[in-house]
Amino acid sequence: MSNTTYVVEGMTCGSCAGKVTDRVEQIPGVTDVDVDIATGGVTLTTDAPVSDETVKQAIEEIGYKVAAA
């Protein structure tokens, strides 16, 4: 298992966090999602390799932006 954190811009409330969580949970290999609205941090726990591009695309499809690392 590994953890990766992304910074998501535009997440301002619990509803936003729920949308992001629901979307990234659908990515194969993602086993857990932890969202911190205050920092915009989204930490994924995975049990298989998941590319950054896959995560970025999934989040951007629902209207948010992943900040550059």
C-alpha atoms as a PDB file:
ATOM      1  CA  MET A   1       0.000   0.000   0.000  1.00  0.00           C
ATOM      2  CA  SER A   2       1.099   3.532  -0.657  1.00  0.00           C
ATOM      3  CA  ASN A   3      -0.191   7.025   0.086  1.00  0.00           C
ATOM      4  CA  THR A   4      -0.121   9.975  -2.276  1.00  0.00           C
ATOM      5  CA  THR A   5      -1.401  13.473  -1.541  1.00  0.00           C
ATOM      6  CA  TYR A   6      -2.719  15.910  -4.126  1.00  0.00           C
ATOM      7  CA  VAL A   7      -3.766  19.544  -3.650  1.00  0.00           C
ATOM      8  CA  VAL A   8      -7.164  20.215  -5.169  1.00  0.00           C
ATOM      9  CA  GLU A   9      -8.188  23.801  -5.896  1.00  0.00           C
ATOM     10  CA  GLY A  10     -11.827  24.834  -5.601  1.00  0.00           C
ATOM     11  CA  MET A  11     -12.864  22.445  -2.822  1.00  0.00           C
ATOM     12  CA  THR A  12     -14.582  24.741  -0.345  1.00  0.00           C
ATOM     13  CA  CYS A  13     -17.217  22.693   1.487  1.00  0.00           C
ATOM     14  CA  GLY A  14     -18.293  19.246   2.584  1.00  0.00           C
ATOM     15  CA  SER A  15     -20.285  18.740  -0.605  1.00  0.00           C
ATOM     16  CA  CYS A  16     -17.172  19.443  -2.691  1.00  0.00           C
ATOM     17  CA  ALA A  17     -15.152  17.011  -0.597  1.00  0.00           C
ATOM     18  CA  GLY A  18     -17.856  14.385  -1.036  1.00  0.00           C
ATOM     19  CA  LYS A  19     -17.839  14.780  -4.820  1.00  0.00           C
ATOM     20  CA  VAL A  20     -14.062  14.435  -4.988  1.00  0.00           C
ATOM     21  CA  THR A  21     -14.112  11.437  -2.636  1.00  0.00           C
ATOM     22  CA  ASP A  22     -16.861   9.688  -4.598  1.00  0.00           C
ATOM     23  CA  ARG A  23     -15.020  10.216  -7.887  1.00  0.00           C
ATOM     24  CA  VAL A  24     -11.546   9.095  -6.848  1.00  0.00           C
ATOM     25  CA  GLU A  25     -12.912   6.058  -4.995  1.00  0.00           C
ATOM     26  CA  GLN A  26     -13.977   4.788  -8.431  1.00  0.00           C
ATOM     27  CA  ILE A  27     -10.356   4.611  -9.641  1.00  0.00           C
ATOM     28  CA  PRO A  28      -9.137   0.991  -9.653  1.00  0.00           C
ATOM     29  CA  GLY A  29      -6.503   0.488  -6.971  1.00  0.00           C
ATOM     30  CA  VAL A  30      -7.729   3.245  -4.640  1.00  0.00           C
ATOM     31  CA  THR A  31      -8.631   1.744  -1.262  1.00  0.00           C
ATOM     32  CA  ASP A  32      -9.122   4.873   0.878  1.00  0.00           C
ATOM     33  CA  VAL A  33      -9.526   8.623   0.417  1.00  0.00           C
ATOM     34  CA  ASP A  34      -8.886  11.296   3.061  1.00  0.00           C
ATOM     35  CA  VAL A  35      -9.897  14.869   2.237  1.00  0.00           C
ATOM     36  CA  ASP A  36      -8.857  17.990   4.175  1.00  0.00           C
ATOM     37  CA  ILE A  37     -11.025  20.887   3.028  1.00  0.00           C
ATOM     38  CA  ALA A  38      -8.917  23.472   4.893  1.00  0.00           C
ATOM     39  CA  THR A  39      -5.748  22.647   2.956  1.00  0.00           C
ATOM     40  CA  GLY A  40      -7.298  21.197  -0.194  1.00  0.00           C
ATOM     41  CA  GLY A  41      -5.331  18.023   0.445  1.00  0.00           C
ATOM     42  CA  VAL A  42      -6.623  14.742  -0.933  1.00  0.00           C
ATOM     43  CA  THR A  43      -4.656  11.717   0.231  1.00  0.00           C
ATOM     44  CA  LEU A  44      -5.202   8.451  -1.581  1.00  0.00           C
ATOM     45  CA  THR A  45      -4.256   5.052  -0.230  1.00  0.00           C
ATOM     46  CA  THR A  46      -3.727   2.544  -2.999  1.00  0.00           C
ATOM     47  CA  ASP A  47      -3.015  -1.158  -3.221  1.00  0.00           C
ATOM     48  CA  ALA A  48      -1.977  -1.007  -6.890  1.00  0.00           C
ATOM     49  CA  PRO A  49      -0.136   1.584  -8.974  1.00  0.00           C
ATOM     50  CA  VAL A  50      -2.303   4.584  -9.887  1.00  0.00           C
ATOM     51  CA  SER A  51      -0.862   7.243 -12.182  1.00  0.00           C
ATOM     52  CA  ASP A  52      -0.958  10.907 -11.251  1.00  0.00           C
ATOM     53  CA  GLU A  53      -2.520  11.619 -14.642  1.00  0.00           C
ATOM     54  CA  THR A  54      -5.423   9.250 -13.902  1.00  0.00           C
ATOM     55  CA  VAL A  55      -6.123  10.997 -10.595  1.00  0.00           C
ATOM     56  CA  LYS A  56      -5.794  14.455 -12.132  1.00  0.00           C
ATOM     57  CA  GLN A  57      -8.139  13.592 -14.991  1.00  0.00           C
ATOM     58  CA  ALA A  58     -10.754  12.113 -12.641  1.00  0.00           C
ATOM     59  CA  ILE A  59     -10.759  15.211 -10.429  1.00  0.00           C
ATOM     60  CA  GLU A  60     -10.765  17.671 -13.325  1.00  0.00           C
ATOM     61  CA  GLU A  61     -13.698  15.822 -14.954  1.00  0.00           C
ATOM     62  CA  ILE A  62     -15.883  16.936 -12.047  1.00  0.00           C
ATOM     63  CA  GLY A  63     -14.797  20.578 -12.206  1.00  0.00           C
ATOM     64  CA  TYR A  64     -11.866  20.917  -9.813  1.00  0.00           C
ATOM     65  CA  LYS A  65      -8.203  21.554 -10.531  1.00  0.00           C
ATOM     66  CA  VAL A  66      -5.212  19.645  -9.225  1.00  0.00           C
ATOM     67  CA  ALA A  67      -2.443  22.076  -8.297  1.00  0.00           C
ATOM     68  CA  ALA A  68       1.057  21.472  -9.627  1.00  0.00           C
ATOM     69  CA  ALA A  69       3.338  19.790  -7.114  1.00  0.00           C
END
